[in-house]
Amino acid sequence: MNSTLFFVYYLFNNAFRYLHMGYASAMGWVLFVFVCALTLTQMRFSKRWVHYEGEG
């Protein structure tokens, strides 16, 4: 029972199906912080992945 729910779908259900707006808002902030952390990590390490060929 609901063991395979994704986080965003669970957030949606809490907000609009069960009307737990405060809980869903807190879940939204957690998701926002998680995505920001992944984005910053991606941007920080992307300099190592890009290879520019020298002009020759």
PDB file of N, CA and C in Angstrom:
ATOM      1  N   MET A   1       0.826  -1.174   0.000  1.00  0.00           N
ATOM      2  CA  MET A   1       0.000   0.000   0.000  1.00  0.00           C
ATOM      3  C   MET A   1       0.879   1.249   0.000  1.00  0.00           C
ATOM      4  N   ASN A   2       0.982   1.892  -1.119  1.00  0.00           N
ATOM      5  CA  ASN A   2       1.707   3.151  -1.307  1.00  0.00           C
ATOM      6  C   ASN A   2       3.208   3.016  -1.094  1.00  0.00           C
ATOM      7  N   SER A   3       3.763   1.821  -1.204  1.00  0.00           N
ATOM      8  CA  SER A   3       5.196   1.653  -0.982  1.00  0.00           C
ATOM      9  C   SER A   3       6.025   2.142  -2.157  1.00  0.00           C
ATOM     10  N   THR A   4       5.408   2.323  -3.316  1.00  0.00           N
ATOM     11  CA  THR A   4       6.159   2.766  -4.488  1.00  0.00           C
ATOM     12  C   THR A   4       5.823   4.196  -4.895  1.00  0.00           C
ATOM     13  N   LEU A   5       5.208   4.952  -3.999  1.00  0.00           N
ATOM     14  CA  LEU A   5       4.880   6.341  -4.327  1.00  0.00           C
ATOM     15  C   LEU A   5       6.152   7.173  -4.451  1.00  0.00           C
ATOM     16  N   PHE A   6       6.201   7.974  -5.475  1.00  0.00           N
ATOM     17  CA  PHE A   6       7.306   8.917  -5.600  1.00  0.00           C
ATOM     18  C   PHE A   6       7.060  10.099  -4.676  1.00  0.00           C
ATOM     19  N   PHE A   7       8.142  10.791  -4.337  1.00  0.00           N
ATOM     20  CA  PHE A   7       8.055  11.894  -3.385  1.00  0.00           C
ATOM     21  C   PHE A   7       7.114  12.988  -3.868  1.00  0.00           C
ATOM     22  N   VAL A   8       7.207  13.352  -5.137  1.00  0.00           N
ATOM     23  CA  VAL A   8       6.391  14.446  -5.663  1.00  0.00           C
ATOM     24  C   VAL A   8       4.917  14.047  -5.704  1.00  0.00           C
ATOM     25  N   TYR A   9       4.626  12.809  -6.054  1.00  0.00           N
ATOM     26  CA  TYR A   9       3.231  12.351  -6.062  1.00  0.00           C
ATOM     27  C   TYR A   9       2.665  12.302  -4.642  1.00  0.00           C
ATOM     28  N   TYR A  10       3.497  11.900  -3.691  1.00  0.00           N
ATOM     29  CA  TYR A  10       3.080  11.891  -2.289  1.00  0.00           C
ATOM     30  C   TYR A  10       2.815  13.316  -1.807  1.00  0.00           C
ATOM     31  N   LEU A  11       3.672  14.252  -2.231  1.00  0.00           N
ATOM     32  CA  LEU A  11       3.486  15.661  -1.905  1.00  0.00           C
ATOM     33  C   LEU A  11       2.163  16.163  -2.477  1.00  0.00           C
ATOM     34  N   PHE A  12       1.894  15.841  -3.726  1.00  0.00           N
ATOM     35  CA  PHE A  12       0.658  16.253  -4.377  1.00  0.00           C
ATOM     36  C   PHE A  12      -0.563  15.698  -3.649  1.00  0.00           C
ATOM     37  N   ASN A  13      -0.517  14.432  -3.292  1.00  0.00           N
ATOM     38  CA  ASN A  13      -1.645  13.821  -2.574  1.00  0.00           C
ATOM     39  C   ASN A  13      -1.884  14.495  -1.230  1.00  0.00           C
ATOM     40  N   ASN A  14      -0.820  14.786  -0.506  1.00  0.00           N
ATOM     41  CA  ASN A  14      -0.984  15.452   0.778  1.00  0.00           C
ATOM     42  C   ASN A  14      -1.596  16.832   0.620  1.00  0.00           C
ATOM     43  N   ALA A  15      -1.220  17.531  -0.416  1.00  0.00           N
ATOM     44  CA  ALA A  15      -1.711  18.894  -0.600  1.00  0.00           C
ATOM     45  C   ALA A  15      -3.155  18.921  -1.078  1.00  0.00           C
ATOM     46  N   PHE A  16      -3.462  18.187  -2.111  1.00  0.00           N
ATOM     47  CA  PHE A  16      -4.747  18.366  -2.782  1.00  0.00           C
ATOM     48  C   PHE A  16      -5.754  17.247  -2.551  1.00  0.00           C
ATOM     49  N   ARG A  17      -5.305  16.094  -2.123  1.00  0.00           N
ATOM     50  CA  ARG A  17      -6.252  15.016  -1.843  1.00  0.00           C
ATOM     51  C   ARG A  17      -6.666  15.011  -0.375  1.00  0.00           C
ATOM     52  N   TYR A  18      -5.655  15.162   0.493  1.00  0.00           N
ATOM     53  CA  TYR A  18      -5.909  15.107   1.930  1.00  0.00           C
ATOM     54  C   TYR A  18      -5.961  16.489   2.576  1.00  0.00           C
ATOM     55  N   LEU A  19      -5.645  17.516   1.813  1.00  0.00           N
ATOM     56  CA  LEU A  19      -5.669  18.912   2.250  1.00  0.00           C
ATOM     57  C   LEU A  19      -4.765  19.177   3.457  1.00  0.00           C
ATOM     58  N   HIS A  20      -3.610  18.513   3.477  1.00  0.00           N
ATOM     59  CA  HIS A  20      -2.586  18.766   4.488  1.00  0.00           C
ATOM     60  C   HIS A  20      -1.586  19.748   3.897  1.00  0.00           C
ATOM     61  N   MET A  21      -1.998  20.993   3.766  1.00  0.00           N
ATOM     62  CA  MET A  21      -1.195  21.994   3.067  1.00  0.00           C
ATOM     63  C   MET A  21       0.106  22.314   3.802  1.00  0.00           C
ATOM     64  N   GLY A  22       0.093  22.359   5.111  1.00  0.00           N
ATOM     65  CA  GLY A  22       1.308  22.654   5.864  1.00  0.00           C
ATOM     66  C   GLY A  22       2.355  21.574   5.686  1.00  0.00           C
ATOM     67  N   TYR A  23       1.929  20.324   5.764  1.00  0.00           N
ATOM     68  CA  TYR A  23       2.842  19.200   5.577  1.00  0.00           C
ATOM     69  C   TYR A  23       3.380  19.175   4.152  1.00  0.00           C
ATOM     70  N   ALA A  24       2.511  19.414   3.189  1.00  0.00           N
ATOM     71  CA  ALA A  24       2.935  19.437   1.793  1.00  0.00           C
ATOM     72  C   ALA A  24       3.885  20.600   1.523  1.00  0.00           C
ATOM     73  N   SER A  25       3.655  21.724   2.161  1.00  0.00           N
ATOM     74  CA  SER A  25       4.552  22.866   2.001  1.00  0.00           C
ATOM     75  C   SER A  25       5.935  22.544   2.559  1.00  0.00           C
ATOM     76  N   ALA A  26       5.985  21.894   3.695  1.00  0.00           N
ATOM     77  CA  ALA A  26       7.274  21.495   4.267  1.00  0.00           C
ATOM     78  C   ALA A  26       7.980  20.500   3.355  1.00  0.00           C
ATOM     79  N   MET A  27       7.231  19.584   2.783  1.00  0.00           N
ATOM     80  CA  MET A  27       7.815  18.636   1.843  1.00  0.00           C
ATOM     81  C   MET A  27       8.339  19.357   0.606  1.00  0.00           C
ATOM     82  N   GLY A  28       7.627  20.377   0.166  1.00  0.00           N
ATOM     83  CA  GLY A  28       8.070  21.163  -0.978  1.00  0.00           C
ATOM     84  C   GLY A  28       9.378  21.879  -0.703  1.00  0.00           C
ATOM     85  N   TRP A  29       9.525  22.405   0.500  1.00  0.00           N
ATOM     86  CA  TRP A  29      10.781  23.073   0.862  1.00  0.00           C
ATOM     87  C   TRP A  29      11.933  22.086   0.924  1.00  0.00           C
ATOM     88  N   VAL A  30      11.675  20.910   1.439  1.00  0.00           N
ATOM     89  CA  VAL A  30      12.720  19.876   1.474  1.00  0.00           C
ATOM     90  C   VAL A  30      13.142  19.512   0.052  1.00  0.00           C
ATOM     91  N   LEU A  31      12.181  19.365  -0.827  1.00  0.00           N
ATOM     92  CA  LEU A  31      12.482  19.065  -2.227  1.00  0.00           C
ATOM     93  C   LEU A  31      13.273  20.198  -2.866  1.00  0.00           C
ATOM     94  N   PHE A  32      12.904  21.441  -2.579  1.00  0.00           N
ATOM     95  CA  PHE A  32      13.602  22.607  -3.112  1.00  0.00           C
ATOM     96  C   PHE A  32      15.057  22.633  -2.666  1.00  0.00           C
ATOM     97  N   VAL A  33      15.304  22.396  -1.384  1.00  0.00           N
ATOM     98  CA  VAL A  33      16.671  22.399  -0.852  1.00  0.00           C
ATOM     99  C   VAL A  33      17.478  21.261  -1.475  1.00  0.00           C
ATOM    100  N   PHE A  34      16.871  20.110  -1.631  1.00  0.00           N
ATOM    101  CA  PHE A  34      17.547  18.960  -2.232  1.00  0.00           C
ATOM    102  C   PHE A  34      17.941  19.244  -3.679  1.00  0.00           C
ATOM    103  N   VAL A  35      17.033  19.819  -4.451  1.00  0.00           N
ATOM    104  CA  VAL A  35      17.315  20.132  -5.856  1.00  0.00           C
ATOM    105  C   VAL A  35      18.386  21.221  -5.948  1.00  0.00           C
ATOM    106  N   CYS A  36      18.322  22.218  -5.089  1.00  0.00           N
ATOM    107  CA  CYS A  36      19.360  23.266  -5.079  1.00  0.00           C
ATOM    108  C   CYS A  36      20.725  22.676  -4.745  1.00  0.00           C
ATOM    109  N   ALA A  37      20.785  21.775  -3.783  1.00  0.00           N
ATOM    110  CA  ALA A  37      22.058  21.153  -3.419  1.00  0.00           C
ATOM    111  C   ALA A  37      22.613  20.331  -4.577  1.00  0.00           C
ATOM    112  N   LEU A  38      21.754  19.585  -5.258  1.00  0.00           N
ATOM    113  CA  LEU A  38      22.214  18.818  -6.415  1.00  0.00           C
ATOM    114  C   LEU A  38      22.684  19.726  -7.541  1.00  0.00           C
ATOM    115  N   THR A  39      21.983  20.827  -7.751  1.00  0.00           N
ATOM    116  CA  THR A  39      22.363  21.771  -8.799  1.00  0.00           C
ATOM    117  C   THR A  39      23.710  22.401  -8.499  1.00  0.00           C
ATOM    118  N   LEU A  40      23.919  22.842  -7.265  1.00  0.00           N
ATOM    119  CA  LEU A  40      25.200  23.441  -6.898  1.00  0.00           C
ATOM    120  C   LEU A  40      26.339  22.432  -7.013  1.00  0.00           C
ATOM    121  N   THR A  41      26.088  21.201  -6.620  1.00  0.00           N
ATOM    122  CA  THR A  41      27.098  20.157  -6.760  1.00  0.00           C
ATOM    123  C   THR A  41      27.430  19.919  -8.223  1.00  0.00           C
ATOM    124  N   GLN A  42      26.417  19.862  -9.047  1.00  0.00           N
ATOM    125  CA  GLN A  42      26.604  19.667 -10.487  1.00  0.00           C
ATOM    126  C   GLN A  42      27.426  20.809 -11.085  1.00  0.00           C
ATOM    127  N   MET A  43      27.095  22.031 -10.727  1.00  0.00           N
ATOM    128  CA  MET A  43      27.801  23.187 -11.263  1.00  0.00           C
ATOM    129  C   MET A  43      29.248  23.231 -10.768  1.00  0.00           C
ATOM    130  N   ARG A  44      29.475  22.840  -9.540  1.00  0.00           N
ATOM    131  CA  ARG A  44      30.823  22.881  -8.974  1.00  0.00           C
ATOM    132  C   ARG A  44      31.736  21.861  -9.642  1.00  0.00           C
ATOM    133  N   PHE A  45      31.229  20.656  -9.892  1.00  0.00           N
ATOM    134  CA  PHE A  45      32.057  19.603 -10.463  1.00  0.00           C
ATOM    135  C   PHE A  45      32.038  19.572 -11.989  1.00  0.00           C
ATOM    136  N   SER A  46      31.212  20.361 -12.626  1.00  0.00           N
ATOM    137  CA  SER A  46      31.138  20.326 -14.089  1.00  0.00           C
ATOM    138  C   SER A  46      32.402  20.869 -14.731  1.00  0.00           C
ATOM    139  N   LYS A  47      33.178  21.667 -14.036  1.00  0.00           N
ATOM    140  CA  LYS A  47      34.423  22.196 -14.591  1.00  0.00           C
ATOM    141  C   LYS A  47      35.424  21.078 -14.839  1.00  0.00           C
ATOM    142  N   ARG A  48      35.327  20.020 -14.083  1.00  0.00           N
ATOM    143  CA  ARG A  48      36.230  18.878 -14.272  1.00  0.00           C
ATOM    144  C   ARG A  48      35.835  18.027 -15.469  1.00  0.00           C
ATOM    145  N   TRP A  49      34.579  18.059 -15.867  1.00  0.00           N
ATOM    146  CA  TRP A  49      34.082  17.187 -16.923  1.00  0.00           C
ATOM    147  C   TRP A  49      34.249  17.772 -18.322  1.00  0.00           C
ATOM    148  N   VAL A  50      34.417  19.087 -18.405  1.00  0.00           N
ATOM    149  CA  VAL A  50      34.486  19.731 -19.714  1.00  0.00           C
ATOM    150  C   VAL A  50      35.925  19.776 -20.173  1.00  0.00           C
ATOM    151  N   HIS A  51      36.146  19.347 -21.410  1.00  0.00           N
ATOM    152  CA  HIS A  51      37.479  19.368 -21.982  1.00  0.00           C
ATOM    153  C   HIS A  51      37.455  20.250 -23.215  1.00  0.00           C
ATOM    154  N   TYR A  52      38.264  21.284 -23.202  1.00  0.00           N
ATOM    155  CA  TYR A  52      38.367  22.185 -24.327  1.00  0.00           C
ATOM    156  C   TYR A  52      39.638  21.856 -25.101  1.00  0.00           C
ATOM    157  N   GLU A  53      39.487  21.707 -26.408  1.00  0.00           N
ATOM    158  CA  GLU A  53      40.657  21.443 -27.228  1.00  0.00           C
ATOM    159  C   GLU A  53      41.383  22.744 -27.518  1.00  0.00           C
ATOM    160  N   GLY A  54      42.677  22.674 -27.507  1.00  0.00           N
ATOM    161  CA  GLY A  54      43.481  23.860 -27.764  1.00  0.00           C
ATOM    162  C   GLY A  54      43.421  24.270 -29.231  1.00  0.00           C
ATOM    163  N   GLU A  55      43.594  25.557 -29.479  1.00  0.00           N
ATOM    164  CA  GLU A  55      43.602  26.032 -30.859  1.00  0.00           C
ATOM    165  C   GLU A  55      44.894  25.607 -31.520  1.00  0.00           C
ATOM    166  N   GLY A  56      44.794  25.045 -32.692  1.00  0.00           N
ATOM    167  CA  GLY A  56      46.009  24.528 -33.273  1.00  0.00           C
ATOM    168  C   GLY A  56      46.058  24.732 -34.697  1.00  0.00           C
TER     169      GLY A  56
END
